C-alpha cells in the first residue's frame, strides 16, 4: 500500500510540475507534505525524469528503437 501511494504521489508531483511549468523542487513540496517516504521516492523519480539524457531519449526515440544506452552492434 505504501509503494502504491508513493507512486501516485510521484506521478501527481510530476504532473503538477509539468502542467504548471514550475520548477520540480517547488512541486516536491507538495509531495513532502504527504510524508517523508513518498517525498524521497518522488524526488528520485523526478531526478531521473528531469535529466537531459532521459528527456532527449524520450523525445528522440524512433519506432523500433528501445532508447537503450548500449552502443550499436557492428
C-alpha atoms as a PDB file:
ATOM      1  CA  UNK A   1       0.000   0.000   0.000  1.00  0.00           C
ATOM      2  CA  UNK A   2       2.825   2.416   0.812  1.00  0.00           C
ATOM      3  CA  UNK A   3       4.526   1.796  -2.525  1.00  0.00           C
ATOM      4  CA  UNK A   4       1.273   2.408  -4.414  1.00  0.00           C
ATOM      5  CA  UNK A   5       0.683   5.655  -2.536  1.00  0.00           C
ATOM      6  CA  UNK A   6       4.268   6.748  -3.176  1.00  0.00           C
ATOM      7  CA  UNK A   7       3.842   6.006  -6.880  1.00  0.00           C
ATOM      8  CA  UNK A   8       0.669   8.096  -7.001  1.00  0.00           C
ATOM      9  CA  UNK A   9       2.386  10.973  -5.213  1.00  0.00           C
ATOM     10  CA  UNK A  10       5.311  10.766  -7.628  1.00  0.00           C
ATOM     11  CA  UNK A  11       3.039  10.879 -10.657  1.00  0.00           C
ATOM     12  CA  UNK A  12       0.925  13.682  -9.202  1.00  0.00           C
ATOM     13  CA  UNK A  13       4.058  15.653  -8.344  1.00  0.00           C
ATOM     14  CA  UNK A  14       5.391  15.270 -11.880  1.00  0.00           C
ATOM     15  CA  UNK A  15       2.062  16.423 -13.332  1.00  0.00           C
ATOM     16  CA  UNK A  16       1.960  19.466 -11.069  1.00  0.00           C
ATOM     17  CA  UNK A  17       5.485  20.434 -12.104  1.00  0.00           C
ATOM     18  CA  UNK A  18       4.902  19.725 -15.787  1.00  0.00           C
ATOM     19  CA  UNK A  19       1.466  21.290 -16.232  1.00  0.00           C
ATOM     20  CA  UNK A  20       2.144  24.350 -14.111  1.00  0.00           C
ATOM     21  CA  UNK A  21       5.615  24.739 -15.644  1.00  0.00           C
ATOM     22  CA  UNK A  22       7.092  25.345 -12.214  1.00  0.00           C
ATOM     23  CA  UNK A  23      10.435  24.027 -11.042  1.00  0.00           C
ATOM     24  CA  UNK A  24      10.137  20.449  -9.851  1.00  0.00           C
ATOM     25  CA  UNK A  25      11.619  21.409  -6.472  1.00  0.00           C
ATOM     26  CA  UNK A  26       8.504  23.506  -5.850  1.00  0.00           C
ATOM     27  CA  UNK A  27       6.262  20.622  -6.834  1.00  0.00           C
ATOM     28  CA  UNK A  28       8.179  18.399  -4.428  1.00  0.00           C
ATOM     29  CA  UNK A  29       6.960  20.491  -1.513  1.00  0.00           C
ATOM     30  CA  UNK A  30       3.514  19.112  -2.288  1.00  0.00           C
ATOM     31  CA  UNK A  31       4.825  15.555  -2.099  1.00  0.00           C
ATOM     32  CA  UNK A  32       6.809  16.407   1.022  1.00  0.00           C
ATOM     33  CA  UNK A  33       3.606  17.371   2.793  1.00  0.00           C
ATOM     34  CA  UNK A  34       2.273  13.846   2.266  1.00  0.00           C
ATOM     35  CA  UNK A  35       5.201  12.209   4.032  1.00  0.00           C
ATOM     36  CA  UNK A  36       8.937  11.623   4.049  1.00  0.00           C
ATOM     37  CA  UNK A  37       8.905   8.243   2.280  1.00  0.00           C
ATOM     38  CA  UNK A  38       6.700   9.481  -0.531  1.00  0.00           C
ATOM     39  CA  UNK A  39       8.784  12.635  -0.882  1.00  0.00           C
ATOM     40  CA  UNK A  40      12.049  10.705  -1.211  1.00  0.00           C
ATOM     41  CA  UNK A  41      10.625   8.348  -3.827  1.00  0.00           C
ATOM     42  CA  UNK A  42       9.087  11.249  -5.742  1.00  0.00           C
ATOM     43  CA  UNK A  43      12.430  13.106  -5.621  1.00  0.00           C
ATOM     44  CA  UNK A  44      14.318  10.124  -7.051  1.00  0.00           C
ATOM     45  CA  UNK A  45      11.709   9.660  -9.753  1.00  0.00           C
ATOM     46  CA  UNK A  46      11.743  13.334 -10.695  1.00  0.00           C
ATOM     47  CA  UNK A  47      15.540  13.467 -10.724  1.00  0.00           C
ATOM     48  CA  UNK A  48      15.524  10.656 -13.284  1.00  0.00           C
ATOM     49  CA  UNK A  49      12.732  12.187 -15.380  1.00  0.00           C
ATOM     50  CA  UNK A  50      14.261  15.667 -15.461  1.00  0.00           C
ATOM     51  CA  UNK A  51      17.774  14.644 -16.516  1.00  0.00           C
ATOM     52  CA  UNK A  52      18.572  15.938 -20.018  1.00  0.00           C
ATOM     53  CA  UNK A  53      19.567  12.426 -21.189  1.00  0.00           C
ATOM     54  CA  UNK A  54      16.164  10.944 -20.307  1.00  0.00           C
ATOM     55  CA  UNK A  55      14.338  13.879 -21.881  1.00  0.00           C
ATOM     56  CA  UNK A  56      16.405  13.549 -25.060  1.00  0.00           C
ATOM     57  CA  UNK A  57      15.758   9.809 -25.230  1.00  0.00           C
ATOM     58  CA  UNK A  58      12.028  10.282 -24.778  1.00  0.00           C
ATOM     59  CA  UNK A  59      11.907  12.971 -27.477  1.00  0.00           C
ATOM     60  CA  UNK A  60      14.240  11.336 -29.995  1.00  0.00           C
ATOM     61  CA  UNK A  61      13.280   7.680 -29.702  1.00  0.00           C
ATOM     62  CA  UNK A  62      12.387   6.288 -33.115  1.00  0.00           C
ATOM     63  CA  UNK A  63       9.943   3.466 -33.686  1.00  0.00           C
ATOM     64  CA  UNK A  64      11.688   0.175 -33.080  1.00  0.00           C
ATOM     65  CA  UNK A  65      14.385   1.867 -31.024  1.00  0.00           C
ATOM     66  CA  UNK A  66      14.329   0.950 -27.360  1.00  0.00           C
ATOM     67  CA  UNK A  67      16.350   4.016 -26.409  1.00  0.00           C
ATOM     68  CA  UNK A  68      18.967   1.718 -24.902  1.00  0.00           C
ATOM     69  CA  UNK A  69      22.245   3.397 -23.925  1.00  0.00           C
ATOM     70  CA  UNK A  70      24.218   0.448 -25.337  1.00  0.00           C
ATOM     71  CA  UNK A  71      26.294   1.032 -28.436  1.00  0.00           C
ATOM     72  CA  UNK A  72      25.001  -0.251 -31.732  1.00  0.00           C
ATOM     73  CA  UNK A  73      26.261  -3.657 -32.802  1.00  0.00           C
ATOM     74  CA  UNK A  74      28.835  -3.672 -35.578  1.00  0.00           C
END
